[in-house]
Amino acid sequence: MAVSRPTKSDAAVRAPRTRMTAPQRRAQLIEVARGLFAERGFEGTSIEEIAQRASVSKPIVYEHFGGKEGLYAVVVDREMETLLEMVTASLSRNSSLHRIQSVALALLTYMEERTDGFRILMRGESTSTGGFSSLLNDAISQVEHILAGEFDRRGFDPALAPMYAQALVGMVSVTAQWWLDVREPSKEVVAAHLVNLCWNGLARLNPNPRLISTDASGKRSSDTVADD
């Protein structure tokens, strides 16, 4: 009687899958969790779902992170680190004009390439970190330092730099959040217009602005925020 021998294809089918190393498994779980947390939020995501999507048992997830809170904290910390590195690098280059441009592009690029991560930061669900608001505070502090030096050089009051830093960073971040949903025009066009408003506004800054007032006839008085 002829004995059938296993073919190469049979051997390939029966060959055991290559096991992930501990660092590889940890990285996989972080990526899986990032997608689920972005989709459903912290409360709406369970360890069971993370384990199922990663094709592992729940004890494996607990072994690596200790629980959902630990895994969530790692995901948020990594996203914060990535975004902060991009923003910090953009603030340390070239002239003030290029810094504003680089900050806008860095934020838009991060949102484009790591949308899930940004949505997690925006949710603000955190057990130990301030999320996106914490990052904005870091960016505001650095912009404040830049503006204070610029104001002092131009004879403006450096004490006003914190307020202007809040306004500039707020404008960029709110516009970026709007762009996350519409995705048009391109991020380069959005950044160019943000720079146009920020930079040209700073270039024509009035050192002593006052609110516009009108008389009974509706005519504008001489005390205006900026010249026409």
Protein backbone atom coordinates (compact mmCIF):
# COMPACT_ATOMS: atom_id res chain seq x y z
CA MET A 1 0.00 0.00 0.00
CA ALA A 2 1.35 3.39 -0.96
CA VAL A 3 1.94 5.79 1.89
CA SER A 4 1.02 9.36 1.11
CA ARG A 5 3.58 11.92 2.09
CA PRO A 6 2.62 15.43 3.22
CA THR A 7 3.01 17.99 0.50
CA LYS A 8 4.71 21.35 0.93
CA SER A 9 1.33 23.06 0.98
CA ASP A 10 0.12 20.76 3.75
CA ALA A 11 3.24 21.52 5.79
CA ALA A 12 2.69 25.24 5.31
CA VAL A 13 -0.89 24.97 6.51
CA ARG A 14 0.11 22.96 9.58
CA ALA A 15 3.15 25.06 10.46
CA PRO A 16 2.65 26.93 13.72
CA ARG A 17 2.33 30.67 13.53
CA THR A 18 5.36 32.66 14.55
CA ARG A 19 4.85 33.92 18.07
CA MET A 20 5.27 37.60 18.74
CA THR A 21 7.98 38.75 21.09
CA ALA A 22 6.85 40.59 24.20
CA PRO A 23 7.68 44.04 22.72
CA GLN A 24 5.86 43.15 19.48
CA ARG A 25 2.78 41.98 21.37
CA ARG A 26 2.81 45.12 23.51
CA ALA A 27 3.00 47.32 20.40
CA GLN A 28 0.17 45.39 18.78
CA LEU A 29 -2.07 45.77 21.82
CA ILE A 30 -1.38 49.50 21.96
CA GLU A 31 -2.38 49.92 18.30
CA VAL A 32 -5.52 47.83 18.71
CA ALA A 33 -6.52 49.74 21.84
CA ARG A 34 -5.83 53.08 20.15
CA GLY A 35 -8.38 52.31 17.45
CA LEU A 36 -11.01 51.14 19.94
CA PHE A 37 -10.50 54.03 22.36
CA ALA A 38 -10.80 56.50 19.47
CA GLU A 39 -13.96 54.80 18.24
CA ARG A 40 -15.76 54.14 21.52
CA GLY A 41 -13.99 56.10 24.23
CA PHE A 42 -12.52 54.80 27.47
CA GLU A 43 -15.80 53.77 29.11
CA GLY A 44 -17.15 52.16 25.94
CA THR A 45 -14.11 49.93 25.42
CA SER A 46 -13.56 46.68 27.31
CA ILE A 47 -10.50 44.52 27.86
CA GLU A 48 -12.44 41.66 26.31
CA GLU A 49 -12.90 43.60 23.05
CA ILE A 50 -9.23 44.57 22.95
CA ALA A 51 -8.15 40.97 23.52
CA GLN A 52 -10.58 39.66 20.92
CA ARG A 53 -9.45 42.11 18.24
CA ALA A 54 -5.80 41.31 19.00
CA SER A 55 -6.55 37.54 18.97
CA VAL A 56 -5.19 37.00 22.47
CA SER A 57 -6.65 36.06 25.82
CA LYS A 58 -7.60 38.69 28.39
CA PRO A 59 -4.81 37.62 30.79
CA ILE A 60 -2.26 38.62 28.13
CA VAL A 61 -3.58 42.20 28.15
CA TYR A 62 -3.51 42.30 31.96
CA GLU A 63 0.00 40.89 31.96
CA HIS A 64 1.31 43.73 29.80
CA PHE A 65 -0.64 46.68 31.21
CA GLY A 66 -2.29 45.68 34.47
CA GLY A 67 -5.74 46.67 33.24
CA LYS A 68 -7.68 49.02 30.98
CA GLU A 69 -6.56 52.12 32.87
CA GLY A 70 -2.90 51.22 32.43
CA LEU A 71 -3.32 50.53 28.73
CA TYR A 72 -5.25 53.76 28.20
CA ALA A 73 -2.57 55.76 30.02
CA VAL A 74 0.13 54.29 27.75
CA VAL A 75 -1.88 55.12 24.62
CA VAL A 76 -2.44 58.73 25.73
CA ASP A 77 1.16 59.21 26.83
CA ARG A 78 2.46 58.00 23.46
CA GLU A 79 0.14 60.30 21.54
CA MET A 80 1.07 63.23 23.74
CA GLU A 81 4.76 62.50 23.26
CA THR A 82 4.41 62.26 19.48
CA LEU A 83 2.42 65.48 19.13
CA LEU A 84 4.54 67.41 21.62
CA GLU A 85 7.74 66.43 19.81
CA MET A 86 6.29 67.69 16.53
CA VAL A 87 5.10 70.98 18.00
CA THR A 88 8.28 71.56 20.02
CA ALA A 89 10.46 70.93 16.98
CA SER A 90 8.42 73.38 14.94
CA LEU A 91 8.83 76.09 17.59
CA SER A 92 12.62 75.82 17.63
CA ARG A 93 13.28 76.50 13.96
CA ASN A 94 14.10 79.65 12.02
CA SER A 95 12.26 82.96 12.24
CA SER A 96 8.99 83.72 14.00
CA LEU A 97 7.11 83.52 10.68
CA HIS A 98 8.43 80.03 9.98
CA ARG A 99 7.65 78.99 13.56
CA ILE A 100 3.98 79.90 13.17
CA GLN A 101 3.83 78.08 9.85
CA SER A 102 5.58 75.02 11.27
CA VAL A 103 3.28 74.83 14.30
CA ALA A 104 0.17 74.93 12.11
CA LEU A 105 1.56 72.28 9.75
CA ALA A 106 2.78 70.08 12.63
CA LEU A 107 -0.66 70.01 14.23
CA LEU A 108 -2.48 69.39 10.95
CA THR A 109 0.00 66.68 9.94
CA TYR A 110 -0.40 64.89 13.27
CA MET A 111 -4.18 65.00 12.94
CA GLU A 112 -3.99 63.70 9.39
CA GLU A 113 -1.57 60.84 10.11
CA ARG A 114 -2.78 59.86 13.60
CA THR A 115 -6.46 60.72 13.57
CA ASP A 116 -7.31 58.02 16.12
CA GLY A 117 -4.71 59.36 18.51
CA PHE A 118 -5.98 62.92 18.18
CA ARG A 119 -9.57 61.85 18.82
CA ILE A 120 -8.43 60.12 22.01
CA LEU A 121 -6.66 63.26 23.20
CA MET A 122 -9.69 65.39 22.36
CA ARG A 123 -12.04 63.17 24.35
CA GLY A 124 -10.28 64.21 27.52
CA GLU A 125 -11.05 60.85 29.19
CA SER A 126 -7.98 60.26 31.26
CA THR A 127 -6.94 58.66 34.48
CA SER A 128 -3.67 60.54 34.91
CA THR A 129 -2.99 63.00 32.10
CA GLY A 130 -4.38 66.30 30.88
CA GLY A 131 -4.64 65.21 27.25
CA PHE A 132 -4.91 67.81 24.52
CA SER A 133 -5.45 70.70 26.93
CA SER A 134 -2.12 69.88 28.60
CA LEU A 135 -0.39 69.93 25.23
CA LEU A 136 -1.95 73.28 24.35
CA ASN A 137 -0.69 74.71 27.63
CA ASP A 138 2.85 73.61 26.74
CA ALA A 139 2.54 75.17 23.28
CA ILE A 140 1.12 78.39 24.74
CA SER A 141 4.06 78.67 27.15
CA GLN A 142 6.55 78.39 24.31
CA VAL A 143 4.67 80.82 22.07
CA GLU A 144 4.43 83.24 25.00
CA HIS A 145 8.21 83.20 25.34
CA ILE A 146 8.65 83.93 21.62
CA LEU A 147 6.11 86.76 21.63
CA ALA A 148 7.53 88.35 24.77
CA GLY A 149 10.89 88.75 23.05
CA GLU A 150 9.24 90.05 19.89
CA PHE A 151 7.11 92.56 21.83
CA ASP A 152 10.09 93.82 23.77
CA ARG A 153 12.05 94.30 20.56
CA ARG A 154 9.23 96.31 18.98
CA GLY A 155 8.52 98.45 22.03
CA PHE A 156 5.24 96.73 22.98
CA ASP A 157 4.30 95.65 26.49
CA PRO A 158 5.76 92.12 27.05
CA ALA A 159 3.21 91.58 29.82
CA LEU A 160 0.58 91.17 27.10
CA ALA A 161 2.42 88.21 25.53
CA PRO A 162 0.48 85.54 27.53
CA MET A 163 -2.86 86.84 26.24
CA TYR A 164 -1.66 86.95 22.62
CA ALA A 165 -0.18 83.45 22.98
CA GLN A 166 -3.58 82.14 24.12
CA ALA A 167 -5.25 83.82 21.13
CA LEU A 168 -2.77 82.52 18.56
CA VAL A 169 -2.63 78.93 19.78
CA GLY A 170 -6.40 78.89 20.27
CA MET A 171 -6.98 80.06 16.70
CA VAL A 172 -4.71 77.40 15.28
CA SER A 173 -6.09 74.55 17.42
CA VAL A 174 -9.77 75.37 16.84
CA THR A 175 -9.23 75.70 13.09
CA ALA A 176 -7.33 72.40 13.08
CA GLN A 177 -10.21 70.66 14.86
CA TRP A 178 -12.63 72.01 12.24
CA TRP A 179 -10.35 70.75 9.47
CA LEU A 180 -10.27 67.27 11.02
CA ASP A 181 -13.90 66.79 10.00
CA VAL A 182 -13.98 68.52 6.62
CA ARG A 183 -10.42 67.66 5.37
CA GLU A 184 -10.54 70.40 2.76
CA PRO A 185 -8.89 72.48 1.56
CA SER A 186 -5.52 70.74 1.92
CA LYS A 187 -3.55 71.12 5.14
CA GLU A 188 -0.97 73.24 3.28
CA VAL A 189 -3.67 75.70 2.20
CA VAL A 190 -5.15 75.83 5.71
CA ALA A 191 -1.71 76.43 7.22
CA ALA A 192 -1.00 79.18 4.69
CA HIS A 193 -4.20 81.03 5.60
CA LEU A 194 -3.59 80.61 9.31
CA VAL A 195 -0.13 82.11 8.86
CA ASN A 196 -1.62 84.89 6.75
CA LEU A 197 -4.02 85.88 9.53
CA CYS A 198 -1.55 85.38 12.38
CA TRP A 199 1.51 86.98 10.83
CA ASN A 200 -0.13 89.91 9.06
CA GLY A 201 -2.13 90.59 12.19
CA LEU A 202 1.06 90.70 14.26
CA ALA A 203 2.86 92.78 11.64
CA ARG A 204 0.21 95.53 11.87
CA LEU A 205 -0.32 95.23 15.59
CA ASN A 206 -1.56 98.39 17.29
CA PRO A 207 0.41 98.89 20.54
CA ASN A 208 -2.56 100.63 22.19
CA PRO A 209 -5.82 99.25 20.76
CA ARG A 210 -9.21 100.49 21.90
CA LEU A 211 -12.70 99.30 21.11
CA ILE A 212 -14.63 100.98 18.31
CA SER A 213 -17.37 103.28 19.56
CA THR A 214 -20.17 105.06 17.69
CA ASP A 215 -22.18 108.17 18.35
CA ALA A 216 -25.96 108.44 18.17
CA SER A 217 -25.86 108.76 14.38
CA GLY A 218 -23.93 105.53 14.07
CA LYS A 219 -20.69 107.20 12.98
CA ARG A 220 -17.45 105.69 14.19
CA SER A 221 -15.43 107.71 16.67
CA SER A 222 -11.69 108.25 16.46
CA ASP A 223 -10.91 105.62 19.11
CA THR A 224 -10.56 102.45 17.04
CA VAL A 225 -8.87 99.11 17.42
CA ALA A 226 -6.96 99.49 14.17
CA ASP A 227 -6.63 101.96 11.36
CA ASP A 228 -8.82 101.38 8.28
